[in-house]
Amino acid sequence: MQKNAGSVIFSFSHDKETWRVERMMKVYSCIHESYHWLISKMDDHKGELTVTIKKPNKALADNIAKLWDIQGEVHVKVISE
């Protein structure tokens, strides 16, 4: 299942688990707006968050990992296009 929020595509592994997109959107909404343009995709697959960004940014990657941890998950991959 995919949902598009502006320029970000949110996807998750099971169509019936819409709560997955809700927690990805929580993470996204807590990221400072100045970083939003860098994020193109967020995917939650069985609790592992994969975020695709337009160019490498360590501060953003660290922030995403901390925010995902707050959601009760620790597995995060941040990849550059």
C-alpha atoms as a PDB file:
ATOM      1  CA  MET A   1       0.000   0.000   0.000  1.00  0.00           C
ATOM      2  CA  GLN A   2       1.284   3.503  -0.820  1.00  0.00           C
ATOM      3  CA  LYS A   3       0.102   6.913   0.305  1.00  0.00           C
ATOM      4  CA  ASN A   4       1.479  10.155  -1.086  1.00  0.00           C
ATOM      5  CA  ALA A   5       1.853  13.208   1.164  1.00  0.00           C
ATOM      6  CA  GLY A   6       3.023  15.942  -1.150  1.00  0.00           C
ATOM      7  CA  SER A   7       6.404  14.869  -2.462  1.00  0.00           C
ATOM      8  CA  VAL A   8       6.891  12.003   0.026  1.00  0.00           C
ATOM      9  CA  ILE A   9       5.661   8.482  -0.708  1.00  0.00           C
ATOM     10  CA  PHE A  10       4.737   6.449   2.373  1.00  0.00           C
ATOM     11  CA  SER A  11       4.500   2.693   1.927  1.00  0.00           C
ATOM     12  CA  PHE A  12       4.002  -0.229   4.281  1.00  0.00           C
ATOM     13  CA  SER A  13       3.937  -3.997   4.112  1.00  0.00           C
ATOM     14  CA  HIS A  14       0.320  -4.888   4.895  1.00  0.00           C
ATOM     15  CA  ASP A  15      -2.727  -3.079   3.468  1.00  0.00           C
ATOM     16  CA  LYS A  16      -4.732  -3.564   6.667  1.00  0.00           C
ATOM     17  CA  GLU A  17      -2.034  -2.115   8.941  1.00  0.00           C
ATOM     18  CA  THR A  18      -2.755   1.551   8.279  1.00  0.00           C
ATOM     19  CA  TRP A  19      -1.317   2.424  11.694  1.00  0.00           C
ATOM     20  CA  ARG A  20       2.094   1.964  10.057  1.00  0.00           C
ATOM     21  CA  VAL A  21       1.589   5.028   7.844  1.00  0.00           C
ATOM     22  CA  GLU A  22       0.359   6.980  10.859  1.00  0.00           C
ATOM     23  CA  ARG A  23       3.582   6.401  12.768  1.00  0.00           C
ATOM     24  CA  MET A  24       5.713   7.237   9.710  1.00  0.00           C
ATOM     25  CA  MET A  25       3.772  10.485   9.383  1.00  0.00           C
ATOM     26  CA  LYS A  26       4.445  11.193  13.082  1.00  0.00           C
ATOM     27  CA  VAL A  27       8.164  10.793  12.430  1.00  0.00           C
ATOM     28  CA  TYR A  28       7.968  12.970   9.307  1.00  0.00           C
ATOM     29  CA  SER A  29       6.005  15.688  11.093  1.00  0.00           C
ATOM     30  CA  CYS A  30       8.642  15.878  13.857  1.00  0.00           C
ATOM     31  CA  ILE A  31      11.461  16.463  11.370  1.00  0.00           C
ATOM     32  CA  HIS A  32      12.306  20.129  10.965  1.00  0.00           C
ATOM     33  CA  GLU A  33      10.686  21.574   7.837  1.00  0.00           C
ATOM     34  CA  SER A  34      14.056  22.575   6.422  1.00  0.00           C
ATOM     35  CA  TYR A  35      14.779  18.841   5.882  1.00  0.00           C
ATOM     36  CA  HIS A  36      11.429  17.855   4.336  1.00  0.00           C
ATOM     37  CA  TRP A  37      12.578  18.483   0.759  1.00  0.00           C
ATOM     38  CA  LEU A  38      15.315  15.851   1.192  1.00  0.00           C
ATOM     39  CA  ILE A  39      12.909  12.994   1.946  1.00  0.00           C
ATOM     40  CA  SER A  40      11.333  11.238  -1.029  1.00  0.00           C
ATOM     41  CA  LYS A  41      10.141   7.885   0.393  1.00  0.00           C
ATOM     42  CA  MET A  42       9.413   6.255   3.734  1.00  0.00           C
ATOM     43  CA  ASP A  43       8.662   2.524   3.964  1.00  0.00           C
ATOM     44  CA  ASP A  44       7.717   0.520   7.066  1.00  0.00           C
ATOM     45  CA  HIS A  45       8.245  -3.177   6.459  1.00  0.00           C
ATOM     46  CA  LYS A  46       7.531  -5.219   9.593  1.00  0.00           C
ATOM     47  CA  GLY A  47       8.876  -2.452  11.818  1.00  0.00           C
ATOM     48  CA  GLU A  48      11.978  -1.699   9.773  1.00  0.00           C
ATOM     49  CA  LEU A  49      11.893   1.854   8.454  1.00  0.00           C
ATOM     50  CA  THR A  50      13.643   2.579   5.179  1.00  0.00           C
ATOM     51  CA  VAL A  51      13.912   6.244   4.267  1.00  0.00           C
ATOM     52  CA  THR A  52      15.102   7.370   0.852  1.00  0.00           C
ATOM     53  CA  ILE A  53      16.662  10.815   0.785  1.00  0.00           C
ATOM     54  CA  LYS A  54      17.831  12.897  -2.167  1.00  0.00           C
ATOM     55  CA  LYS A  55      21.390  13.343  -0.897  1.00  0.00           C
ATOM     56  CA  PRO A  56      23.361  12.103   2.133  1.00  0.00           C
ATOM     57  CA  ASN A  57      22.719  13.982   5.369  1.00  0.00           C
ATOM     58  CA  LYS A  58      24.009  12.497   8.637  1.00  0.00           C
ATOM     59  CA  ALA A  59      22.094  14.902  10.890  1.00  0.00           C
ATOM     60  CA  LEU A  60      18.826  13.966   9.190  1.00  0.00           C
ATOM     61  CA  ALA A  61      19.611  10.235   9.355  1.00  0.00           C
ATOM     62  CA  ASP A  62      20.406  10.490  13.082  1.00  0.00           C
ATOM     63  CA  ASN A  63      17.211  12.437  13.725  1.00  0.00           C
ATOM     64  CA  ILE A  64      15.103   9.866  11.855  1.00  0.00           C
ATOM     65  CA  ALA A  65      16.653   7.024  13.879  1.00  0.00           C
ATOM     66  CA  LYS A  66      15.872   8.812  17.166  1.00  0.00           C
ATOM     67  CA  LEU A  67      12.295   9.549  16.106  1.00  0.00           C
ATOM     68  CA  TRP A  68      11.740   5.943  14.992  1.00  0.00           C
ATOM     69  CA  ASP A  69      13.064   4.750  18.339  1.00  0.00           C
ATOM     70  CA  ILE A  70      10.405   6.903  20.037  1.00  0.00           C
ATOM     71  CA  GLN A  71       7.835   4.925  18.005  1.00  0.00           C
ATOM     72  CA  GLY A  72       9.152   1.737  19.645  1.00  0.00           C
ATOM     73  CA  GLU A  73      11.272   0.485  16.743  1.00  0.00           C
ATOM     74  CA  VAL A  74      15.044   0.444  16.335  1.00  0.00           C
ATOM     75  CA  HIS A  75      15.663  -0.779  12.782  1.00  0.00           C
ATOM     76  CA  VAL A  76      16.251   2.120  10.383  1.00  0.00           C
ATOM     77  CA  LYS A  77      17.975   2.376   7.001  1.00  0.00           C
ATOM     78  CA  VAL A  78      18.505   5.768   5.409  1.00  0.00           C
ATOM     79  CA  ILE A  79      19.596   5.509   1.793  1.00  0.00           C
ATOM     80  CA  SER A  80      20.448   8.159  -0.797  1.00  0.00           C
ATOM     81  CA  GLU A  81      18.967   8.176  -4.290  1.00  0.00           C
END
